[in-house]
Each structure stands twice: as C-alpha cells, then as structure tokens.
Amino acid sequence: MSAPSRCGYVAIVGRPNVGKSTLLNALIGSKVSIVSAKPQTTRFQIIGIKTQNEAQAVYIDTPGLHQDEKSAMNRYMNRLASAVIPDADLVVFVVAALEWTEEDNLVLSKVKAAKAPVLLVVNKIDTVGDKKELLPFLALLQEKFSFTQLIPVSATRAENLQALEQEILKYLPEGPPLFPNEQVTDKNLKFQVAEIVREKLIQATEQEVPYCTTVEVEHWKEEENRLELSVLIWVEREGQKRIVIGKGGERLKWIGIEARKEIEVLLKQKIFLRLWVKVKERWTDDDRALRQLGYQ
C-alpha cells in the first residue's frame, strides 16, 4: 500500500445515544469503541484509524454532550467532547433520525464555533418505517446551519456509509499518515480489556448503576499457556456492589464469562479472568479520584 497523501482528524460529536460509537466502529470496520443502548456509555476520546490507498482518516469518538453537569464526571465528559472541536480538520455532527432535542441545540452551539467544516450525519434511518417522513426533518435541519453536507445513514446496517466516507475524504488536508497503516486505534490492550469488561457490566446492570461504575486492570501476568488478568470494578456504594455481584454471584459470573470470550478474541489467546468489586465512595464527583482512575 502506498503512503496516503491525505490525513486528518475527524471529530465525531453529538448528544448521548445517537450512535456515535456504532458509527465509528462501522467506519473502521472493527470494534474500537464499546457500545450499549444506555446513554453516556463513552467516557473517553476513542481514536479509530482508517487507512486507505489515498488517505488516512483519524476519527475521534467523544462522550455525548449533555446539559446535566451535576457531577465531576459529567463535567469531565463535556470538557472532553468540547475539546476536540477546535482542532479537528472536519467535524461530524451526529443526530438521530426524526429527533431533535435541547441537547442537540447544545451540540449545535458548540459546532457553530468550529473553524473546520461541519458535516451533519442523520443516523438510525433504519428506525424510520416510511422514508418520506425524513424529508421535512432534513429540510428543518438544513435551516439550522450551513452544514457542508447532510447525509442520512444507518450505522447498525452500514447503510450509506460509503457516501459518508467519500464526503469525509474530501475534507482531509494533504499530508503524510500519522499512524502505521495497520493500526486501528491509539488505545493500548489494557485499556481495551477494561472497556470490554465495562461494556458487559453496563449490559448486565440496570438504571443508575452503570453510571457509578468504572473498571481498572489491576494485574496482567503472562503464564506459559495463558494470560492471567485481575480486573477491578469500582462502585460508589455497598448496595451497588451487591447489585453488580448479583444473587449467589451470578451477575458477576455472567459479566466475566461474556468479557472473557471477547477479550480472548482481542488478544488471540486463552486468558484467566478474575473480577473484583470494590467501593470508592462518591468517586464520580471527586476530581482527584477521577484522575486516579484514568479520567484526565
């Protein structure tokens, strides 16, 4: 493969739960960002790298911008999402089909200040039974801002992604690649393992519990034929610890089994995975605790 002649950063922004991470994974063709049906799943800037013959697009998935800033974690995620906009070569603003909320207005106010072009992606068109219903919605969106282009897609079904990619490539500046051709993310394996466990944790728990948990790889030891991993799940209260563990340890066991399957695929080797649940009171509203747990 010849060296790409274009390379640039593409910031993917939007309110929570519009499918930004699903879109990133679909564009890359690999799972680099965890996904769930629950809003505010993404807590970090996740970089996904797509290298083609003519270009390298460096996508940055961000936490959903939201109005609620009641905790240090909420404020951290909003700062993280806002920070990518000024330096991006292209901003991809993602909204959900037939939905426009006050939080979409919040995102719009941020992208209006961007120096880079802003491309609007209307995701989840597969949820619209009669596609004619999209026309007035798209017309409404075009009145809100002078977007460079407006592209309806379905990230889950990979509908119209090729058209989206072609449009993105137009706005990448000339320049050499920033990453090796075969690299698909900037995150190390420990980070990816922790995120896989957190994804299964989110899937297994209900209501407020996922927002009060975080995951940390404590121990990583290579044995002759397998890898031994000890992973900590942090919660804020004893009651949350009991919920994560479940009756007779069944919920924690399910999280471990599902996470191990995916981690073994990622690492291409057998692993022994041990999960622990510990309490760190009010860690989501403690800036120092956030930094200690990797939220910087």
C-alpha atoms as a PDB file:
ATOM      1  CA  MET A   1       0.000   0.000   0.000  1.00  0.00           C
ATOM      2  CA  SER A   2       1.409   3.393  -0.961  1.00  0.00           C
ATOM      3  CA  ALA A   3       1.622   6.115   1.653  1.00  0.00           C
ATOM      4  CA  PRO A   4      -1.603   8.142   1.910  1.00  0.00           C
ATOM      5  CA  SER A   5      -1.374  11.665   0.532  1.00  0.00           C
ATOM      6  CA  ARG A   6      -4.162  12.974   2.776  1.00  0.00           C
ATOM      7  CA  CYS A   7      -4.512  12.686   6.538  1.00  0.00           C
ATOM      8  CA  GLY A   8      -6.610  14.458   9.132  1.00  0.00           C
ATOM      9  CA  TYR A   9      -8.591  14.360  12.359  1.00  0.00           C
ATOM     10  CA  VAL A  10     -12.350  13.848  12.167  1.00  0.00           C
ATOM     11  CA  ALA A  11     -14.244  14.672  15.382  1.00  0.00           C
ATOM     12  CA  ILE A  12     -17.487  12.713  15.852  1.00  0.00           C
ATOM     13  CA  VAL A  13     -19.759  14.713  18.168  1.00  0.00           C
ATOM     14  CA  GLY A  14     -23.383  14.654  19.259  1.00  0.00           C
ATOM     15  CA  ARG A  15     -25.633  14.248  22.270  1.00  0.00           C
ATOM     16  CA  PRO A  16     -25.728  10.914  24.136  1.00  0.00           C
ATOM     17  CA  ASN A  17     -27.249   7.852  22.468  1.00  0.00           C
ATOM     18  CA  VAL A  18     -27.303   8.973  18.830  1.00  0.00           C
ATOM     19  CA  GLY A  19     -24.974   6.144  17.760  1.00  0.00           C
ATOM     20  CA  LYS A  20     -21.565   7.859  17.571  1.00  0.00           C
ATOM     21  CA  SER A  21     -19.623   4.793  18.745  1.00  0.00           C
ATOM     22  CA  THR A  22     -21.596   2.464  16.477  1.00  0.00           C
ATOM     23  CA  LEU A  23     -20.821   4.800  13.578  1.00  0.00           C
ATOM     24  CA  LEU A  24     -17.111   4.846  14.432  1.00  0.00           C
ATOM     25  CA  ASN A  25     -16.954   1.043  14.569  1.00  0.00           C
ATOM     26  CA  ALA A  26     -18.820   0.763  11.269  1.00  0.00           C
ATOM     27  CA  LEU A  27     -16.491   3.221   9.542  1.00  0.00           C
ATOM     28  CA  ILE A  28     -13.362   1.491  10.849  1.00  0.00           C
ATOM     29  CA  GLY A  29     -14.722  -1.999  10.205  1.00  0.00           C
ATOM     30  CA  SER A  30     -13.574  -3.075  13.659  1.00  0.00           C
ATOM     31  CA  LYS A  31     -14.846  -2.675  17.215  1.00  0.00           C
ATOM     32  CA  VAL A  32     -12.693   0.049  18.731  1.00  0.00           C
ATOM     33  CA  SER A  33     -15.355   1.729  20.888  1.00  0.00           C
ATOM     34  CA  ILE A  34     -17.750  -0.075  23.212  1.00  0.00           C
ATOM     35  CA  VAL A  35     -21.484   0.332  22.624  1.00  0.00           C
ATOM     36  CA  SER A  36     -24.695  -0.079  24.600  1.00  0.00           C
ATOM     37  CA  ALA A  37     -28.298   1.072  24.478  1.00  0.00           C
ATOM     38  CA  LYS A  38     -27.683   3.199  27.582  1.00  0.00           C
ATOM     39  CA  PRO A  39     -26.691   6.856  27.091  1.00  0.00           C
ATOM     40  CA  GLN A  40     -23.276   8.161  28.217  1.00  0.00           C
ATOM     41  CA  THR A  41     -21.531   4.843  27.615  1.00  0.00           C
ATOM     42  CA  THR A  42     -18.492   6.556  26.035  1.00  0.00           C
ATOM     43  CA  ARG A  43     -16.318   8.258  28.658  1.00  0.00           C
ATOM     44  CA  PHE A  44     -13.069   8.772  26.797  1.00  0.00           C
ATOM     45  CA  GLN A  45     -11.827  10.118  23.495  1.00  0.00           C
ATOM     46  CA  ILE A  46     -11.568   6.963  21.413  1.00  0.00           C
ATOM     47  CA  ILE A  47      -9.447   7.168  18.278  1.00  0.00           C
ATOM     48  CA  GLY A  48     -10.238   4.923  15.332  1.00  0.00           C
ATOM     49  CA  ILE A  49      -7.888   4.930  12.340  1.00  0.00           C
ATOM     50  CA  LYS A  50      -8.958   4.085   8.795  1.00  0.00           C
ATOM     51  CA  THR A  51      -6.165   3.914   6.222  1.00  0.00           C
ATOM     52  CA  GLN A  52      -6.988   3.587   2.551  1.00  0.00           C
ATOM     53  CA  ASN A  53      -4.824   3.976  -0.546  1.00  0.00           C
ATOM     54  CA  GLU A  54      -5.404   7.670  -0.848  1.00  0.00           C
ATOM     55  CA  ALA A  55      -5.978   8.795   2.730  1.00  0.00           C
ATOM     56  CA  GLN A  56      -5.813   8.161   6.449  1.00  0.00           C
ATOM     57  CA  ALA A  57      -8.811   9.353   8.463  1.00  0.00           C
ATOM     58  CA  VAL A  58      -8.245   9.612  12.216  1.00  0.00           C
ATOM     59  CA  TYR A  59     -11.706   9.509  13.781  1.00  0.00           C
ATOM     60  CA  ILE A  60     -12.232  10.701  17.351  1.00  0.00           C
ATOM     61  CA  ASP A  61     -15.292   9.309  19.134  1.00  0.00           C
ATOM     62  CA  THR A  62     -16.351  11.517  22.038  1.00  0.00           C
ATOM     63  CA  PRO A  63     -18.694  11.324  25.031  1.00  0.00           C
ATOM     64  CA  GLY A  64     -22.170  12.676  24.333  1.00  0.00           C
ATOM     65  CA  LEU A  65     -22.533  16.380  25.090  1.00  0.00           C
ATOM     66  CA  HIS A  66     -25.290  16.784  27.676  1.00  0.00           C
ATOM     67  CA  GLN A  67     -26.892  19.515  29.764  1.00  0.00           C
ATOM     68  CA  ASP A  68     -26.693  17.753  33.135  1.00  0.00           C
ATOM     69  CA  GLU A  69     -23.420  18.718  34.839  1.00  0.00           C
ATOM     70  CA  LYS A  70     -24.317  17.667  38.377  1.00  0.00           C
ATOM     71  CA  SER A  71     -21.138  15.632  38.958  1.00  0.00           C
ATOM     72  CA  ALA A  72     -17.423  15.928  38.229  1.00  0.00           C
ATOM     73  CA  MET A  73     -17.817  13.019  35.798  1.00  0.00           C
ATOM     74  CA  ASN A  74     -20.496  14.887  33.810  1.00  0.00           C
ATOM     75  CA  ARG A  75     -18.328  17.994  33.631  1.00  0.00           C
ATOM     76  CA  TYR A  76     -15.300  15.918  32.633  1.00  0.00           C
ATOM     77  CA  MET A  77     -17.176  14.257  29.749  1.00  0.00           C
ATOM     78  CA  ASN A  78     -18.491  17.581  28.438  1.00  0.00           C
ATOM     79  CA  ARG A  79     -14.997  19.112  28.531  1.00  0.00           C
ATOM     80  CA  LEU A  80     -13.593  16.093  26.716  1.00  0.00           C
ATOM     81  CA  ALA A  81     -16.237  16.238  23.984  1.00  0.00           C
ATOM     82  CA  SER A  82     -15.888  20.010  23.509  1.00  0.00           C
ATOM     83  CA  ALA A  83     -12.084  19.904  23.407  1.00  0.00           C
ATOM     84  CA  VAL A  84     -11.849  18.027  20.091  1.00  0.00           C
ATOM     85  CA  ILE A  85     -13.897  20.538  18.097  1.00  0.00           C
ATOM     86  CA  PRO A  86     -11.369  23.432  17.771  1.00  0.00           C
ATOM     87  CA  ASP A  87      -8.516  21.254  16.471  1.00  0.00           C
ATOM     88  CA  ALA A  88     -10.397  18.911  14.132  1.00  0.00           C
ATOM     89  CA  ASP A  89      -9.956  19.060  10.368  1.00  0.00           C
ATOM     90  CA  LEU A  90     -13.608  18.050   9.986  1.00  0.00           C
ATOM     91  CA  VAL A  91     -16.470  17.861  12.482  1.00  0.00           C
ATOM     92  CA  VAL A  92     -19.082  15.133  12.008  1.00  0.00           C
ATOM     93  CA  PHE A  93     -22.210  16.119  13.959  1.00  0.00           C
ATOM     94  CA  VAL A  94     -24.418  13.068  14.537  1.00  0.00           C
ATOM     95  CA  VAL A  95     -28.159  13.298  15.230  1.00  0.00           C
ATOM     96  CA  ALA A  96     -30.863  10.636  15.406  1.00  0.00           C
ATOM     97  CA  ALA A  97     -33.498  10.424  12.660  1.00  0.00           C
ATOM     98  CA  LEU A  98     -36.708  12.380  13.430  1.00  0.00           C
ATOM     99  CA  GLU A  99     -35.326  13.531  16.803  1.00  0.00           C
ATOM    100  CA  TRP A 100     -34.116  16.990  17.782  1.00  0.00           C
ATOM    101  CA  THR A 101     -33.713  17.889  21.449  1.00  0.00           C
ATOM    102  CA  GLU A 102     -32.350  20.697  23.593  1.00  0.00           C
ATOM    103  CA  GLU A 103     -29.117  18.713  23.870  1.00  0.00           C
ATOM    104  CA  ASP A 104     -28.860  18.721  20.066  1.00  0.00           C
ATOM    105  CA  ASN A 105     -29.131  22.514  20.311  1.00  0.00           C
ATOM    106  CA  LEU A 106     -26.270  22.435  22.835  1.00  0.00           C
ATOM    107  CA  VAL A 107     -24.088  20.500  20.397  1.00  0.00           C
ATOM    108  CA  LEU A 108     -25.079  22.830  17.560  1.00  0.00           C
ATOM    109  CA  SER A 109     -23.939  25.847  19.602  1.00  0.00           C
ATOM    110  CA  LYS A 110     -20.525  24.181  20.010  1.00  0.00           C
ATOM    111  CA  VAL A 111     -20.049  23.195  16.354  1.00  0.00           C
ATOM    112  CA  LYS A 112     -21.110  26.637  15.119  1.00  0.00           C
ATOM    113  CA  ALA A 113     -17.879  27.923  16.654  1.00  0.00           C
ATOM    114  CA  ALA A 114     -15.758  25.329  14.838  1.00  0.00           C
ATOM    115  CA  LYS A 115     -13.144  26.551  12.390  1.00  0.00           C
ATOM    116  CA  ALA A 116     -13.420  23.293  10.441  1.00  0.00           C
ATOM    117  CA  PRO A 117     -16.250  22.305   8.082  1.00  0.00           C
ATOM    118  CA  VAL A 118     -19.215  20.615   9.798  1.00  0.00           C
ATOM    119  CA  LEU A 119     -20.872  17.616   8.196  1.00  0.00           C
ATOM    120  CA  LEU A 120     -24.265  16.546   9.561  1.00  0.00           C
ATOM    121  CA  VAL A 121     -24.997  12.814   9.810  1.00  0.00           C
ATOM    122  CA  VAL A 122     -28.594  11.719  10.406  1.00  0.00           C
ATOM    123  CA  ASN A 123     -28.224   8.263  11.934  1.00  0.00           C
ATOM    124  CA  LYS A 124     -30.739   5.485  12.665  1.00  0.00           C
ATOM    125  CA  ILE A 125     -32.697   5.874   9.418  1.00  0.00           C
ATOM    126  CA  ASP A 126     -33.429   2.130   9.691  1.00  0.00           C
ATOM    127  CA  THR A 127     -35.861   3.003  12.523  1.00  0.00           C
ATOM    128  CA  VAL A 128     -38.000   5.111  10.154  1.00  0.00           C
ATOM    129  CA  GLY A 129     -40.706   2.975   8.519  1.00  0.00           C
ATOM    130  CA  ASP A 130     -41.694   5.444   5.798  1.00  0.00           C
ATOM    131  CA  LYS A 131     -38.581   7.216   4.492  1.00  0.00           C
ATOM    132  CA  LYS A 132     -40.793  10.061   3.200  1.00  0.00           C
ATOM    133  CA  GLU A 133     -41.088  11.140   6.840  1.00  0.00           C
ATOM    134  CA  LEU A 134     -37.405  12.055   6.725  1.00  0.00           C
ATOM    135  CA  LEU A 135     -37.836  14.792   4.098  1.00  0.00           C
ATOM    136  CA  PRO A 136     -39.387  17.512   6.306  1.00  0.00           C
ATOM    137  CA  PHE A 137     -36.947  16.630   9.091  1.00  0.00           C
ATOM    138  CA  LEU A 138     -33.967  17.001   6.767  1.00  0.00           C
ATOM    139  CA  ALA A 139     -35.348  20.308   5.489  1.00  0.00           C
ATOM    140  CA  LEU A 140     -35.640  21.524   9.105  1.00  0.00           C
ATOM    141  CA  LEU A 141     -32.020  20.579   9.806  1.00  0.00           C
ATOM    142  CA  GLN A 142     -30.763  22.414   6.721  1.00  0.00           C
ATOM    143  CA  GLU A 143     -32.255  25.626   8.086  1.00  0.00           C
ATOM    144  CA  LYS A 144     -30.339  25.366  11.357  1.00  0.00           C
ATOM    145  CA  PHE A 145     -26.819  25.823   9.991  1.00  0.00           C
ATOM    146  CA  SER A 146     -24.817  25.875   6.769  1.00  0.00           C
ATOM    147  CA  PHE A 147     -23.569  22.288   7.013  1.00  0.00           C
ATOM    148  CA  THR A 148     -21.155  21.239   4.274  1.00  0.00           C
ATOM    149  CA  GLN A 149     -23.337  18.225   3.597  1.00  0.00           C
ATOM    150  CA  LEU A 150     -26.227  16.362   5.192  1.00  0.00           C
ATOM    151  CA  ILE A 151     -26.035  12.570   4.923  1.00  0.00           C
ATOM    152  CA  PRO A 152     -28.650  10.100   6.250  1.00  0.00           C
ATOM    153  CA  VAL A 153     -27.157   6.753   7.354  1.00  0.00           C
ATOM    154  CA  SER A 154     -27.790   3.645   9.393  1.00  0.00           C
ATOM    155  CA  ALA A 155     -24.621   2.769  11.296  1.00  0.00           C
ATOM    156  CA  THR A 156     -26.040  -0.544  12.529  1.00  0.00           C
ATOM    157  CA  ARG A 157     -26.901  -1.677   8.990  1.00  0.00           C
ATOM    158  CA  ALA A 158     -23.970   0.088   7.273  1.00  0.00           C
ATOM    159  CA  GLU A 159     -26.405   1.977   5.013  1.00  0.00           C
ATOM    160  CA  ASN A 160     -24.946   4.885   3.018  1.00  0.00           C
ATOM    161  CA  LEU A 161     -21.581   4.721   4.824  1.00  0.00           C
ATOM    162  CA  GLN A 162     -19.652   4.664   1.566  1.00  0.00           C
ATOM    163  CA  ALA A 163     -21.177   8.008   0.569  1.00  0.00           C
ATOM    164  CA  LEU A 164     -20.303   9.369   4.013  1.00  0.00           C
ATOM    165  CA  GLU A 165     -16.692   8.199   3.747  1.00  0.00           C
ATOM    166  CA  GLN A 166     -16.274   9.732   0.300  1.00  0.00           C
ATOM    167  CA  GLU A 167     -17.524  13.049   1.650  1.00  0.00           C
ATOM    168  CA  ILE A 168     -15.182  12.874   4.650  1.00  0.00           C
ATOM    169  CA  LEU A 169     -12.156  12.187   2.445  1.00  0.00           C
ATOM    170  CA  LYS A 170     -12.788  15.427   0.539  1.00  0.00           C
ATOM    171  CA  TYR A 171     -12.014  17.471   3.648  1.00  0.00           C
ATOM    172  CA  LEU A 172      -8.844  15.733   4.834  1.00  0.00           C
ATOM    173  CA  PRO A 173      -5.822  18.001   4.336  1.00  0.00           C
ATOM    174  CA  GLU A 174      -2.809  16.924   2.310  1.00  0.00           C
ATOM    175  CA  GLY A 175      -0.112  15.329   4.400  1.00  0.00           C
ATOM    176  CA  PRO A 176       1.610  12.085   5.434  1.00  0.00           C
ATOM    177  CA  PRO A 177      -0.094   9.485   7.657  1.00  0.00           C
ATOM    178  CA  LEU A 178       0.056   9.985  11.413  1.00  0.00           C
ATOM    179  CA  PHE A 179      -0.185   6.270  12.265  1.00  0.00           C
ATOM    180  CA  PRO A 180       1.091   2.998  10.736  1.00  0.00           C
ATOM    181  CA  ASN A 181      -1.206   1.646   8.023  1.00  0.00           C
ATOM    182  CA  GLU A 182      -2.253  -1.427  10.036  1.00  0.00           C
ATOM    183  CA  GLN A 183      -3.098   0.454  13.269  1.00  0.00           C
ATOM    184  CA  VAL A 184      -6.823   0.880  14.013  1.00  0.00           C
ATOM    185  CA  THR A 185      -6.779   2.606  17.429  1.00  0.00           C
ATOM    186  CA  ASP A 186      -4.421   4.502  19.724  1.00  0.00           C
ATOM    187  CA  LYS A 187      -5.615   2.660  22.848  1.00  0.00           C
ATOM    188  CA  ASN A 188      -3.405   0.017  24.439  1.00  0.00           C
ATOM    189  CA  LEU A 189      -4.585  -3.506  25.244  1.00  0.00           C
ATOM    190  CA  LYS A 190      -5.119  -2.828  28.961  1.00  0.00           C
ATOM    191  CA  PHE A 191      -7.489  -0.006  28.122  1.00  0.00           C
ATOM    192  CA  GLN A 192      -9.360  -2.172  25.626  1.00  0.00           C
ATOM    193  CA  VAL A 193      -9.694  -5.017  28.146  1.00  0.00           C
ATOM    194  CA  ALA A 194     -11.081  -2.649  30.793  1.00  0.00           C
ATOM    195  CA  GLU A 195     -13.579  -1.228  28.297  1.00  0.00           C
ATOM    196  CA  ILE A 196     -14.793  -4.709  27.300  1.00  0.00           C
ATOM    197  CA  VAL A 197     -15.465  -5.529  30.955  1.00  0.00           C
ATOM    198  CA  ARG A 198     -17.233  -2.181  31.400  1.00  0.00           C
ATOM    199  CA  GLU A 199     -19.418  -2.856  28.359  1.00  0.00           C
ATOM    200  CA  LYS A 200     -20.579  -6.199  29.794  1.00  0.00           C
ATOM    201  CA  LEU A 201     -21.104  -4.523  33.160  1.00  0.00           C
ATOM    202  CA  ILE A 202     -23.340  -1.888  31.552  1.00  0.00           C
ATOM    203  CA  GLN A 203     -25.313  -4.591  29.737  1.00  0.00           C
ATOM    204  CA  ALA A 204     -25.813  -6.586  32.945  1.00  0.00           C
ATOM    205  CA  THR A 205     -26.932  -3.785  35.274  1.00  0.00           C
ATOM    206  CA  GLU A 206     -29.956  -1.506  35.283  1.00  0.00           C
ATOM    207  CA  GLN A 207     -30.855   2.105  35.999  1.00  0.00           C
ATOM    208  CA  GLU A 208     -28.225   4.219  37.764  1.00  0.00           C
ATOM    209  CA  VAL A 209     -25.641   1.530  38.490  1.00  0.00           C
ATOM    210  CA  PRO A 210     -23.663   1.754  35.181  1.00  0.00           C
ATOM    211  CA  TYR A 211     -23.039   5.471  35.759  1.00  0.00           C
ATOM    212  CA  CYS A 212     -21.480   4.824  39.182  1.00  0.00           C
ATOM    213  CA  THR A 213     -19.031   2.164  37.994  1.00  0.00           C
ATOM    214  CA  THR A 214     -15.631   2.152  36.386  1.00  0.00           C
ATOM    215  CA  VAL A 215     -13.150  -0.598  35.554  1.00  0.00           C
ATOM    216  CA  GLU A 216      -9.406  -0.874  36.119  1.00  0.00           C
ATOM    217  CA  VAL A 217      -6.972  -3.624  35.107  1.00  0.00           C
ATOM    218  CA  GLU A 218      -5.005  -4.298  38.288  1.00  0.00           C
ATOM    219  CA  HIS A 219      -2.921  -7.353  37.347  1.00  0.00           C
ATOM    220  CA  TRP A 220      -1.610  -8.584  33.973  1.00  0.00           C
ATOM    221  CA  LYS A 221       0.638 -11.655  34.127  1.00  0.00           C
ATOM    222  CA  GLU A 222       1.830 -13.854  31.273  1.00  0.00           C
ATOM    223  CA  GLU A 223       1.975 -17.559  32.099  1.00  0.00           C
ATOM    224  CA  GLU A 224       3.251 -20.355  29.828  1.00  0.00           C
ATOM    225  CA  ASN A 225      -0.005 -21.083  28.030  1.00  0.00           C
ATOM    226  CA  ARG A 226      -2.310 -18.283  29.118  1.00  0.00           C
ATOM    227  CA  LEU A 227      -2.622 -14.745  30.393  1.00  0.00           C
ATOM    228  CA  GLU A 228      -3.841 -14.061  33.940  1.00  0.00           C
ATOM    229  CA  LEU A 229      -5.869 -10.866  34.400  1.00  0.00           C
ATOM    230  CA  SER A 230      -7.268  -9.340  37.570  1.00  0.00           C
ATOM    231  CA  VAL A 231      -9.771  -6.577  36.905  1.00  0.00           C
ATOM    232  CA  LEU A 232     -11.312  -4.219  39.469  1.00  0.00           C
ATOM    233  CA  ILE A 233     -14.863  -2.919  39.174  1.00  0.00           C
ATOM    234  CA  TRP A 234     -15.287   0.229  41.243  1.00  0.00           C
ATOM    235  CA  VAL A 235     -18.701   1.324  42.553  1.00  0.00           C
ATOM    236  CA  GLU A 236     -19.809   4.108  44.894  1.00  0.00           C
ATOM    237  CA  ARG A 237     -21.926   2.247  47.456  1.00  0.00           C
ATOM    238  CA  GLU A 238     -22.213  -1.187  49.088  1.00  0.00           C
ATOM    239  CA  GLY A 239     -25.716  -1.559  47.615  1.00  0.00           C
ATOM    240  CA  GLN A 240     -24.275  -1.136  44.108  1.00  0.00           C
ATOM    241  CA  LYS A 241     -21.625  -3.741  44.892  1.00  0.00           C
ATOM    242  CA  ARG A 242     -24.345  -6.244  45.777  1.00  0.00           C
ATOM    243  CA  ILE A 243     -26.192  -5.457  42.527  1.00  0.00           C
ATOM    244  CA  VAL A 244     -23.058  -5.978  40.421  1.00  0.00           C
ATOM    245  CA  ILE A 245     -22.262  -9.273  42.132  1.00  0.00           C
ATOM    246  CA  GLY A 246     -25.869 -10.482  41.953  1.00  0.00           C
ATOM    247  CA  LYS A 247     -27.578 -13.288  43.830  1.00  0.00           C
ATOM    248  CA  GLY A 248     -25.056 -16.013  44.507  1.00  0.00           C
ATOM    249  CA  GLY A 249     -22.528 -14.140  42.351  1.00  0.00           C
ATOM    250  CA  GLU A 250     -24.498 -14.940  39.178  1.00  0.00           C
ATOM    251  CA  ARG A 251     -24.364 -11.463  37.619  1.00  0.00           C
ATOM    252  CA  LEU A 252     -20.625 -11.059  38.139  1.00  0.00           C
ATOM    253  CA  LYS A 253     -20.110 -14.556  36.743  1.00  0.00           C
ATOM    254  CA  TRP A 254     -22.060 -13.627  33.581  1.00  0.00           C
ATOM    255  CA  ILE A 255     -20.021 -10.434  33.162  1.00  0.00           C
ATOM    256  CA  GLY A 256     -16.815 -12.447  33.489  1.00  0.00           C
ATOM    257  CA  ILE A 257     -17.860 -15.146  31.009  1.00  0.00           C
ATOM    258  CA  GLU A 258     -19.003 -12.663  28.349  1.00  0.00           C
ATOM    259  CA  ALA A 259     -15.967 -10.414  28.813  1.00  0.00           C
ATOM    260  CA  ARG A 260     -13.543 -13.348  28.660  1.00  0.00           C
ATOM    261  CA  LYS A 261     -14.955 -14.506  25.319  1.00  0.00           C
ATOM    262  CA  GLU A 262     -14.393 -11.105  23.730  1.00  0.00           C
ATOM    263  CA  ILE A 263     -11.007 -10.485  25.361  1.00  0.00           C
ATOM    264  CA  GLU A 264      -9.711 -13.830  24.066  1.00  0.00           C
ATOM    265  CA  VAL A 265     -10.710 -12.806  20.544  1.00  0.00           C
ATOM    266  CA  LEU A 266      -8.970  -9.437  21.001  1.00  0.00           C
ATOM    267  CA  LEU A 267      -5.762 -10.941  22.425  1.00  0.00           C
ATOM    268  CA  LYS A 268      -5.850 -14.127  20.314  1.00  0.00           C
ATOM    269  CA  GLN A 269      -5.007 -16.282  23.327  1.00  0.00           C
ATOM    270  CA  LYS A 270      -6.572 -18.042  26.293  1.00  0.00           C
ATOM    271  CA  ILE A 271      -6.938 -15.969  29.447  1.00  0.00           C
ATOM    272  CA  PHE A 272      -7.834 -16.468  33.084  1.00  0.00           C
ATOM    273  CA  LEU A 273     -10.011 -13.530  34.137  1.00  0.00           C
ATOM    274  CA  ARG A 274     -10.654 -12.674  37.774  1.00  0.00           C
ATOM    275  CA  LEU A 275     -13.125  -9.864  38.632  1.00  0.00           C
ATOM    276  CA  TRP A 276     -13.266  -7.980  41.919  1.00  0.00           C
ATOM    277  CA  VAL A 277     -15.808  -5.385  43.040  1.00  0.00           C
ATOM    278  CA  LYS A 278     -14.717  -2.601  45.404  1.00  0.00           C
ATOM    279  CA  VAL A 279     -16.322   0.551  46.828  1.00  0.00           C
ATOM    280  CA  LYS A 280     -14.862   4.048  46.402  1.00  0.00           C
ATOM    281  CA  GLU A 281     -17.468   6.449  47.775  1.00  0.00           C
ATOM    282  CA  ARG A 282     -18.621   9.307  45.523  1.00  0.00           C
ATOM    283  CA  TRP A 283     -15.761   8.778  43.071  1.00  0.00           C
ATOM    284  CA  THR A 284     -17.805  10.244  40.194  1.00  0.00           C
ATOM    285  CA  ASP A 285     -17.941  13.613  41.974  1.00  0.00           C
ATOM    286  CA  ASP A 286     -14.319  13.707  43.103  1.00  0.00           C
ATOM    287  CA  ASP A 287     -11.840  15.261  40.652  1.00  0.00           C
ATOM    288  CA  ARG A 288      -8.877  13.629  42.375  1.00  0.00           C
ATOM    289  CA  ALA A 289     -10.495  10.182  42.285  1.00  0.00           C
ATOM    290  CA  LEU A 290     -11.318  10.672  38.595  1.00  0.00           C
ATOM    291  CA  ARG A 291      -7.671  11.416  37.825  1.00  0.00           C
ATOM    292  CA  GLN A 292      -6.519   8.380  39.837  1.00  0.00           C
ATOM    293  CA  LEU A 293      -8.879   6.179  37.825  1.00  0.00           C
ATOM    294  CA  GLY A 294      -7.588   7.451  34.491  1.00  0.00           C
ATOM    295  CA  TYR A 295     -10.113  10.204  33.711  1.00  0.00           C
ATOM    296  CA  GLN A 296      -7.781  13.003  32.653  1.00  0.00           C
END
